[in-house]
Amino acid sequence: MTLAAQHAADDVKVELGRRYHFAASHRLHNPGLSDEENSRLYGKCNNPFGHGHNYTLEILVSGKIDAATGMIANLMDLDGFVAREILEPFDHKSLNEDVAAFRGIVPTTENLCIEIFRRLKPFPKAKLERVRVQETSNNSFEYAGENAEGFEG
């Protein structure tokens, strides 16, 4: 029995992490609040012209090793799915103006994580465990879905 066949027979679960990059702009502004309150809450991120980030997206998927391929998911399949669902709609776009999901909510990176998770969850070849979005060298956010252990929301 090959090593891959043995792992498949043992139902070994493996996690795969993959990193992607995209650039997008946003303005943190809640239209239900006054301009003064938005300015107080969001500071320079409330600039009427918006501002941009070079985001790093890390995703973690899990699955069982396929006996024939020795993989939990083909990277070409995963990359194509992420390109269609995330990179094409978000890269070099205004989150506020170009992404319909953010027309009704403030495009904070917290909300961006949730939207990315929602879009990637249907990947058919492996289970999406969590997403992590790094906005700056100081700020990163993770989301593991509403049923994640410890999630109260």
N, C-alpha and C. Protein backbone atom coordinates (compact mmCIF):
# COMPACT_ATOMS: atom_id res chain seq x y z
N MET A 1 0.85 -1.18 0.00
CA MET A 1 0.00 0.00 0.00
C MET A 1 0.90 1.24 0.00
N THR A 2 0.55 2.21 -0.85
CA THR A 2 1.34 3.43 -0.90
C THR A 2 1.06 4.28 0.34
N LEU A 3 1.96 5.22 0.59
CA LEU A 3 1.79 6.10 1.74
C LEU A 3 0.49 6.89 1.62
N ALA A 4 0.20 7.43 0.41
CA ALA A 4 -1.04 8.19 0.21
C ALA A 4 -2.26 7.31 0.43
N ALA A 5 -2.21 6.07 -0.04
CA ALA A 5 -3.33 5.15 0.15
C ALA A 5 -3.51 4.83 1.63
N GLN A 6 -2.40 4.68 2.35
CA GLN A 6 -2.47 4.40 3.78
C GLN A 6 -3.11 5.58 4.52
N HIS A 7 -2.68 6.81 4.19
CA HIS A 7 -3.27 7.99 4.84
C HIS A 7 -4.75 8.11 4.51
N ALA A 8 -5.11 7.83 3.25
CA ALA A 8 -6.52 7.89 2.87
C ALA A 8 -7.31 6.84 3.63
N ALA A 9 -6.74 5.65 3.77
CA ALA A 9 -7.42 4.58 4.50
C ALA A 9 -7.57 4.94 5.97
N ASP A 10 -6.61 5.67 6.52
CA ASP A 10 -6.65 6.07 7.93
C ASP A 10 -7.53 7.30 8.16
N ASP A 11 -8.07 7.87 7.08
CA ASP A 11 -8.87 9.10 7.17
C ASP A 11 -8.11 10.23 7.85
N VAL A 12 -6.86 10.38 7.49
CA VAL A 12 -6.03 11.45 8.03
C VAL A 12 -6.53 12.78 7.48
N LYS A 13 -6.76 13.72 8.37
CA LYS A 13 -7.19 15.06 7.98
C LYS A 13 -5.96 15.97 7.97
N VAL A 14 -5.80 16.70 6.87
CA VAL A 14 -4.67 17.61 6.73
C VAL A 14 -5.22 19.00 6.45
N GLU A 15 -4.54 20.02 6.95
CA GLU A 15 -4.91 21.40 6.66
C GLU A 15 -3.94 21.99 5.67
N LEU A 16 -4.47 22.77 4.74
CA LEU A 16 -3.69 23.42 3.70
C LEU A 16 -3.88 24.92 3.83
N GLY A 17 -2.78 25.66 3.97
CA GLY A 17 -2.84 27.11 4.00
C GLY A 17 -2.35 27.67 2.68
N ARG A 18 -3.00 28.70 2.21
CA ARG A 18 -2.62 29.33 0.93
C ARG A 18 -2.75 30.83 1.09
N ARG A 19 -1.84 31.56 0.48
CA ARG A 19 -1.78 33.02 0.61
C ARG A 19 -2.01 33.67 -0.75
N TYR A 20 -2.79 34.76 -0.73
CA TYR A 20 -3.11 35.53 -1.93
C TYR A 20 -2.96 37.02 -1.60
N HIS A 21 -2.85 37.83 -2.64
CA HIS A 21 -2.69 39.27 -2.46
C HIS A 21 -3.65 40.01 -3.38
N PHE A 22 -4.21 41.09 -2.87
CA PHE A 22 -5.02 41.98 -3.71
C PHE A 22 -4.96 43.38 -3.12
N ALA A 23 -5.21 44.37 -3.97
CA ALA A 23 -5.23 45.77 -3.56
C ALA A 23 -6.65 46.28 -3.75
N ALA A 24 -7.14 46.99 -2.76
CA ALA A 24 -8.49 47.56 -2.86
C ALA A 24 -8.55 48.82 -2.01
N SER A 25 -9.53 49.66 -2.35
CA SER A 25 -9.73 50.87 -1.55
C SER A 25 -11.07 50.77 -0.83
N HIS A 26 -11.20 51.56 0.21
CA HIS A 26 -12.46 51.66 0.92
C HIS A 26 -12.52 52.95 1.69
N ARG A 27 -13.72 53.30 2.08
CA ARG A 27 -13.95 54.42 2.98
C ARG A 27 -14.80 53.90 4.12
N LEU A 28 -14.34 54.10 5.33
CA LEU A 28 -15.12 53.69 6.49
C LEU A 28 -16.07 54.83 6.82
N HIS A 29 -17.34 54.58 6.53
CA HIS A 29 -18.36 55.61 6.70
C HIS A 29 -19.71 54.93 6.85
N ASN A 30 -20.42 55.28 7.91
CA ASN A 30 -21.77 54.78 8.14
C ASN A 30 -22.74 55.90 7.81
N PRO A 31 -23.54 55.75 6.74
CA PRO A 31 -24.44 56.83 6.35
C PRO A 31 -25.52 57.13 7.38
N GLY A 32 -25.73 56.23 8.33
CA GLY A 32 -26.71 56.46 9.39
C GLY A 32 -26.19 57.35 10.50
N LEU A 33 -24.92 57.72 10.42
CA LEU A 33 -24.31 58.59 11.44
C LEU A 33 -23.97 59.94 10.83
N SER A 34 -23.81 60.92 11.68
CA SER A 34 -23.44 62.26 11.20
C SER A 34 -21.99 62.24 10.70
N ASP A 35 -21.64 63.24 9.91
CA ASP A 35 -20.26 63.36 9.44
C ASP A 35 -19.30 63.48 10.62
N GLU A 36 -19.72 64.21 11.65
CA GLU A 36 -18.88 64.38 12.83
C GLU A 36 -18.64 63.06 13.55
N GLU A 37 -19.71 62.27 13.69
CA GLU A 37 -19.59 60.97 14.37
C GLU A 37 -18.73 60.01 13.55
N ASN A 38 -18.91 60.01 12.23
CA ASN A 38 -18.07 59.17 11.36
C ASN A 38 -16.61 59.58 11.49
N SER A 39 -16.36 60.86 11.51
CA SER A 39 -14.98 61.35 11.63
C SER A 39 -14.38 60.93 12.97
N ARG A 40 -15.18 61.03 14.03
CA ARG A 40 -14.70 60.64 15.36
C ARG A 40 -14.42 59.13 15.42
N LEU A 41 -15.32 58.32 14.86
CA LEU A 41 -15.17 56.87 14.91
C LEU A 41 -14.04 56.35 14.05
N TYR A 42 -13.95 56.85 12.81
CA TYR A 42 -13.05 56.26 11.82
C TYR A 42 -11.81 57.08 11.52
N GLY A 43 -11.74 58.31 12.02
CA GLY A 43 -10.55 59.14 11.82
C GLY A 43 -10.19 59.29 10.36
N LYS A 44 -8.89 59.13 10.05
CA LYS A 44 -8.42 59.32 8.68
C LYS A 44 -9.00 58.29 7.72
N CYS A 45 -9.52 57.19 8.24
CA CYS A 45 -10.13 56.16 7.38
C CYS A 45 -11.50 56.59 6.86
N ASN A 46 -11.98 57.74 7.33
CA ASN A 46 -13.25 58.30 6.86
C ASN A 46 -13.04 59.32 5.74
N ASN A 47 -11.84 59.43 5.23
CA ASN A 47 -11.53 60.34 4.13
C ASN A 47 -12.58 60.19 3.03
N PRO A 48 -13.23 61.27 2.60
CA PRO A 48 -14.27 61.17 1.57
C PRO A 48 -13.79 60.55 0.26
N PHE A 49 -12.51 60.60 0.00
CA PHE A 49 -11.97 60.03 -1.24
C PHE A 49 -11.52 58.58 -1.06
N GLY A 50 -11.63 58.07 0.16
CA GLY A 50 -11.22 56.71 0.44
C GLY A 50 -9.71 56.58 0.59
N HIS A 51 -9.27 55.39 0.79
CA HIS A 51 -7.84 55.07 0.90
C HIS A 51 -7.69 53.59 0.57
N GLY A 52 -6.49 53.18 0.23
CA GLY A 52 -6.29 51.81 -0.22
C GLY A 52 -5.36 51.01 0.66
N HIS A 53 -5.43 49.71 0.48
CA HIS A 53 -4.55 48.77 1.17
C HIS A 53 -4.08 47.70 0.20
N ASN A 54 -2.91 47.18 0.46
CA ASN A 54 -2.44 45.98 -0.21
C ASN A 54 -2.70 44.84 0.77
N TYR A 55 -3.80 44.15 0.56
CA TYR A 55 -4.24 43.11 1.48
C TYR A 55 -3.51 41.80 1.21
N THR A 56 -3.26 41.06 2.27
CA THR A 56 -2.80 39.68 2.17
C THR A 56 -3.92 38.81 2.73
N LEU A 57 -4.38 37.88 1.92
CA LEU A 57 -5.42 36.96 2.32
C LEU A 57 -4.80 35.59 2.52
N GLU A 58 -5.03 35.02 3.69
CA GLU A 58 -4.60 33.65 3.97
C GLU A 58 -5.85 32.83 4.22
N ILE A 59 -5.92 31.69 3.54
CA ILE A 59 -7.04 30.80 3.77
C ILE A 59 -6.51 29.47 4.27
N LEU A 60 -7.32 28.80 5.06
CA LEU A 60 -6.97 27.48 5.57
C LEU A 60 -8.13 26.56 5.25
N VAL A 61 -7.83 25.52 4.49
CA VAL A 61 -8.83 24.50 4.16
C VAL A 61 -8.34 23.16 4.71
N SER A 62 -9.27 22.25 4.90
CA SER A 62 -8.89 20.93 5.41
C SER A 62 -9.63 19.86 4.63
N GLY A 63 -9.09 18.67 4.73
CA GLY A 63 -9.73 17.54 4.08
C GLY A 63 -8.92 16.29 4.28
N LYS A 64 -9.42 15.23 3.71
CA LYS A 64 -8.74 13.94 3.76
C LYS A 64 -7.87 13.81 2.51
N ILE A 65 -6.79 13.11 2.66
CA ILE A 65 -5.87 12.92 1.54
C ILE A 65 -6.49 11.95 0.55
N ASP A 66 -6.59 12.38 -0.69
CA ASP A 66 -7.08 11.52 -1.76
C ASP A 66 -6.00 10.48 -2.08
N ALA A 67 -6.38 9.21 -2.10
CA ALA A 67 -5.41 8.13 -2.32
C ALA A 67 -4.76 8.22 -3.68
N ALA A 68 -5.50 8.67 -4.68
CA ALA A 68 -4.96 8.72 -6.05
C ALA A 68 -3.99 9.87 -6.25
N THR A 69 -4.29 11.04 -5.66
CA THR A 69 -3.46 12.23 -5.92
C THR A 69 -2.48 12.52 -4.80
N GLY A 70 -2.77 12.04 -3.58
CA GLY A 70 -1.94 12.37 -2.43
C GLY A 70 -2.19 13.77 -1.91
N MET A 71 -3.25 14.44 -2.39
CA MET A 71 -3.55 15.82 -2.00
C MET A 71 -4.95 15.88 -1.39
N ILE A 72 -5.18 16.94 -0.59
CA ILE A 72 -6.54 17.18 -0.12
C ILE A 72 -7.31 18.02 -1.13
N ALA A 73 -6.60 18.85 -1.88
CA ALA A 73 -7.21 19.68 -2.91
C ALA A 73 -6.12 20.06 -3.90
N ASN A 74 -6.47 20.06 -5.16
CA ASN A 74 -5.54 20.49 -6.19
C ASN A 74 -5.37 22.01 -6.10
N LEU A 75 -4.14 22.48 -6.00
CA LEU A 75 -3.90 23.92 -5.86
C LEU A 75 -4.41 24.71 -7.04
N MET A 76 -4.40 24.13 -8.23
CA MET A 76 -4.92 24.84 -9.40
C MET A 76 -6.43 25.05 -9.26
N ASP A 77 -7.13 24.06 -8.73
CA ASP A 77 -8.57 24.22 -8.48
C ASP A 77 -8.82 25.31 -7.44
N LEU A 78 -8.07 25.27 -6.34
CA LEU A 78 -8.22 26.25 -5.28
C LEU A 78 -7.89 27.65 -5.78
N ASP A 79 -6.77 27.78 -6.48
CA ASP A 79 -6.37 29.10 -6.99
C ASP A 79 -7.41 29.66 -7.96
N GLY A 80 -7.95 28.83 -8.81
CA GLY A 80 -8.98 29.29 -9.75
C GLY A 80 -10.23 29.74 -9.03
N PHE A 81 -10.64 29.00 -8.01
CA PHE A 81 -11.82 29.36 -7.23
C PHE A 81 -11.61 30.70 -6.52
N VAL A 82 -10.46 30.86 -5.87
CA VAL A 82 -10.16 32.11 -5.16
C VAL A 82 -10.07 33.28 -6.15
N ALA A 83 -9.48 33.05 -7.31
CA ALA A 83 -9.39 34.11 -8.32
C ALA A 83 -10.79 34.57 -8.74
N ARG A 84 -11.68 33.62 -9.01
CA ARG A 84 -13.05 33.96 -9.44
C ARG A 84 -13.85 34.65 -8.35
N GLU A 85 -13.77 34.11 -7.13
CA GLU A 85 -14.63 34.58 -6.05
C GLU A 85 -14.11 35.81 -5.31
N ILE A 86 -12.78 35.99 -5.28
CA ILE A 86 -12.20 37.07 -4.47
C ILE A 86 -11.35 38.02 -5.29
N LEU A 87 -10.34 37.51 -5.95
CA LEU A 87 -9.38 38.40 -6.60
C LEU A 87 -10.01 39.20 -7.73
N GLU A 88 -10.76 38.56 -8.61
CA GLU A 88 -11.37 39.30 -9.72
C GLU A 88 -12.37 40.36 -9.24
N PRO A 89 -13.26 40.05 -8.30
CA PRO A 89 -14.20 41.09 -7.87
C PRO A 89 -13.62 42.16 -6.94
N PHE A 90 -12.50 41.87 -6.25
CA PHE A 90 -11.98 42.82 -5.26
C PHE A 90 -10.72 43.56 -5.70
N ASP A 91 -9.86 42.93 -6.47
CA ASP A 91 -8.54 43.52 -6.77
C ASP A 91 -8.68 44.79 -7.59
N HIS A 92 -8.04 45.85 -7.10
CA HIS A 92 -8.05 47.18 -7.72
C HIS A 92 -9.46 47.72 -7.88
N LYS A 93 -10.27 47.48 -6.84
CA LYS A 93 -11.65 47.96 -6.82
C LYS A 93 -11.87 48.79 -5.57
N SER A 94 -12.91 49.62 -5.63
CA SER A 94 -13.41 50.30 -4.45
C SER A 94 -14.43 49.38 -3.80
N LEU A 95 -14.16 48.94 -2.58
CA LEU A 95 -15.09 48.05 -1.91
C LEU A 95 -16.45 48.71 -1.75
N ASN A 96 -16.48 50.01 -1.44
CA ASN A 96 -17.73 50.73 -1.26
C ASN A 96 -18.54 50.79 -2.55
N GLU A 97 -17.88 51.07 -3.65
CA GLU A 97 -18.59 51.36 -4.90
C GLU A 97 -18.71 50.17 -5.84
N ASP A 98 -17.74 49.26 -5.84
CA ASP A 98 -17.69 48.20 -6.84
C ASP A 98 -18.14 46.83 -6.35
N VAL A 99 -18.29 46.65 -5.06
CA VAL A 99 -18.65 45.35 -4.50
C VAL A 99 -20.03 45.48 -3.84
N ALA A 100 -21.04 44.89 -4.46
CA ALA A 100 -22.42 45.04 -4.01
C ALA A 100 -22.60 44.67 -2.53
N ALA A 101 -21.87 43.68 -2.05
CA ALA A 101 -22.03 43.24 -0.66
C ALA A 101 -21.73 44.35 0.34
N PHE A 102 -20.96 45.35 -0.07
CA PHE A 102 -20.58 46.42 0.86
C PHE A 102 -21.41 47.69 0.67
N ARG A 103 -22.44 47.61 -0.12
CA ARG A 103 -23.28 48.80 -0.30
C ARG A 103 -24.14 49.04 0.93
N GLY A 104 -24.39 48.00 1.72
CA GLY A 104 -25.23 48.16 2.89
C GLY A 104 -24.50 48.08 4.21
N ILE A 105 -23.20 47.82 4.17
CA ILE A 105 -22.43 47.72 5.42
C ILE A 105 -21.10 48.45 5.26
N VAL A 106 -20.55 48.86 6.37
CA VAL A 106 -19.25 49.54 6.36
C VAL A 106 -18.18 48.50 5.99
N PRO A 107 -17.35 48.78 4.99
CA PRO A 107 -16.35 47.79 4.55
C PRO A 107 -15.10 47.75 5.43
N THR A 108 -15.31 47.51 6.71
CA THR A 108 -14.17 47.31 7.61
C THR A 108 -13.51 45.98 7.23
N THR A 109 -12.32 45.77 7.70
CA THR A 109 -11.66 44.50 7.39
C THR A 109 -12.33 43.35 8.13
N GLU A 110 -12.97 43.62 9.25
CA GLU A 110 -13.77 42.59 9.92
C GLU A 110 -14.87 42.11 8.97
N ASN A 111 -15.60 43.06 8.38
CA ASN A 111 -16.67 42.70 7.45
C ASN A 111 -16.11 42.08 6.17
N LEU A 112 -14.94 42.51 5.74
CA LEU A 112 -14.29 41.92 4.58
C LEU A 112 -13.99 40.44 4.84
N CYS A 113 -13.49 40.12 6.02
CA CYS A 113 -13.22 38.72 6.38
C CYS A 113 -14.48 37.87 6.27
N ILE A 114 -15.57 38.37 6.80
CA ILE A 114 -16.83 37.62 6.78
C ILE A 114 -17.30 37.42 5.34
N GLU A 115 -17.20 38.44 4.51
CA GLU A 115 -17.62 38.33 3.11
C GLU A 115 -16.73 37.36 2.34
N ILE A 116 -15.44 37.41 2.58
CA ILE A 116 -14.54 36.47 1.92
C ILE A 116 -14.86 35.04 2.35
N PHE A 117 -15.08 34.82 3.63
CA PHE A 117 -15.43 33.49 4.12
C PHE A 117 -16.70 33.00 3.44
N ARG A 118 -17.72 33.87 3.37
CA ARG A 118 -18.99 33.51 2.74
C ARG A 118 -18.79 33.08 1.29
N ARG A 119 -17.93 33.80 0.58
CA ARG A 119 -17.70 33.50 -0.83
C ARG A 119 -16.87 32.23 -1.04
N LEU A 120 -15.97 31.93 -0.11
CA LEU A 120 -15.09 30.77 -0.27
C LEU A 120 -15.66 29.48 0.33
N LYS A 121 -16.62 29.59 1.21
CA LYS A 121 -17.16 28.41 1.88
C LYS A 121 -17.67 27.34 0.91
N PRO A 122 -18.25 27.69 -0.23
CA PRO A 122 -18.75 26.65 -1.15
C PRO A 122 -17.67 25.88 -1.92
N PHE A 123 -16.39 26.17 -1.70
CA PHE A 123 -15.35 25.42 -2.42
C PHE A 123 -15.61 23.93 -2.24
N PRO A 124 -15.79 23.21 -3.35
CA PRO A 124 -16.26 21.82 -3.23
C PRO A 124 -15.20 20.78 -2.87
N LYS A 125 -13.93 21.11 -2.96
CA LYS A 125 -12.89 20.09 -2.83
C LYS A 125 -12.32 19.94 -1.43
N ALA A 126 -12.60 20.90 -0.53
CA ALA A 126 -12.08 20.85 0.83
C ALA A 126 -12.95 21.73 1.71
N LYS A 127 -12.83 21.58 3.00
CA LYS A 127 -13.61 22.37 3.95
C LYS A 127 -12.85 23.65 4.32
N LEU A 128 -13.50 24.77 4.15
CA LEU A 128 -12.90 26.04 4.56
C LEU A 128 -12.91 26.12 6.08
N GLU A 129 -11.74 26.27 6.67
CA GLU A 129 -11.62 26.37 8.12
C GLU A 129 -11.66 27.82 8.60
N ARG A 130 -10.87 28.67 7.95
CA ARG A 130 -10.86 30.09 8.35
C ARG A 130 -10.15 30.93 7.29
N VAL A 131 -10.40 32.22 7.39
CA VAL A 131 -9.69 33.19 6.54
C VAL A 131 -9.03 34.21 7.46
N ARG A 132 -7.93 34.71 7.01
CA ARG A 132 -7.19 35.76 7.72
C ARG A 132 -6.86 36.83 6.71
N VAL A 133 -7.17 38.07 7.02
CA VAL A 133 -6.87 39.19 6.13
C VAL A 133 -5.94 40.14 6.86
N GLN A 134 -4.78 40.35 6.28
CA GLN A 134 -3.84 41.32 6.82
C GLN A 134 -4.03 42.61 6.04
N GLU A 135 -4.39 43.66 6.76
CA GLU A 135 -4.67 44.96 6.16
C GLU A 135 -3.42 45.83 6.13
N THR A 136 -2.69 45.83 7.22
CA THR A 136 -1.43 46.58 7.33
C THR A 136 -0.44 45.69 8.08
N SER A 137 0.77 46.18 8.25
CA SER A 137 1.74 45.40 9.02
C SER A 137 1.33 45.27 10.49
N ASN A 138 0.41 46.11 10.94
CA ASN A 138 -0.04 46.08 12.33
C ASN A 138 -1.42 45.45 12.52
N ASN A 139 -2.22 45.37 11.47
CA ASN A 139 -3.61 44.92 11.60
C ASN A 139 -3.89 43.67 10.78
N SER A 140 -4.41 42.65 11.43
CA SER A 140 -4.91 41.49 10.71
C SER A 140 -6.15 40.99 11.43
N PHE A 141 -7.02 40.33 10.68
CA PHE A 141 -8.30 39.88 11.19
C PHE A 141 -8.54 38.46 10.71
N GLU A 142 -9.16 37.63 11.57
CA GLU A 142 -9.46 36.25 11.22
C GLU A 142 -10.94 35.99 11.44
N TYR A 143 -11.47 35.10 10.59
CA TYR A 143 -12.86 34.68 10.75
C TYR A 143 -12.95 33.20 10.40
N ALA A 144 -13.65 32.45 11.26
CA ALA A 144 -13.75 31.01 11.07
C ALA A 144 -15.20 30.56 10.95
N GLY A 145 -16.09 31.47 10.65
CA GLY A 145 -17.50 31.10 10.49
C GLY A 145 -18.25 31.21 11.80
N GLU A 146 -19.55 31.24 11.69
CA GLU A 146 -20.40 31.45 12.87
C GLU A 146 -20.43 30.26 13.81
N ASN A 147 -20.10 29.08 13.32
CA ASN A 147 -20.14 27.91 14.17
C ASN A 147 -18.79 27.58 14.78
N ALA A 148 -17.83 28.49 14.62
CA ALA A 148 -16.51 28.25 15.18
C ALA A 148 -16.57 28.24 16.70
N GLU A 149 -15.75 27.42 17.31
CA GLU A 149 -15.70 27.34 18.76
C GLU A 149 -15.38 28.70 19.35
N GLY A 150 -16.15 29.10 20.33
CA GLY A 150 -15.91 30.36 21.01
C GLY A 150 -16.60 31.55 20.37
N PHE A 151 -17.22 31.37 19.21
CA PHE A 151 -17.89 32.50 18.55
C PHE A 151 -19.24 32.72 19.22
N GLU A 152 -19.47 33.92 19.65
CA GLU A 152 -20.69 34.24 20.38
C GLU A 152 -21.75 34.86 19.48
N GLY A 153 -21.36 35.33 18.30
CA GLY A 153 -22.25 36.12 17.46
C GLY A 153 -23.27 35.35 16.77
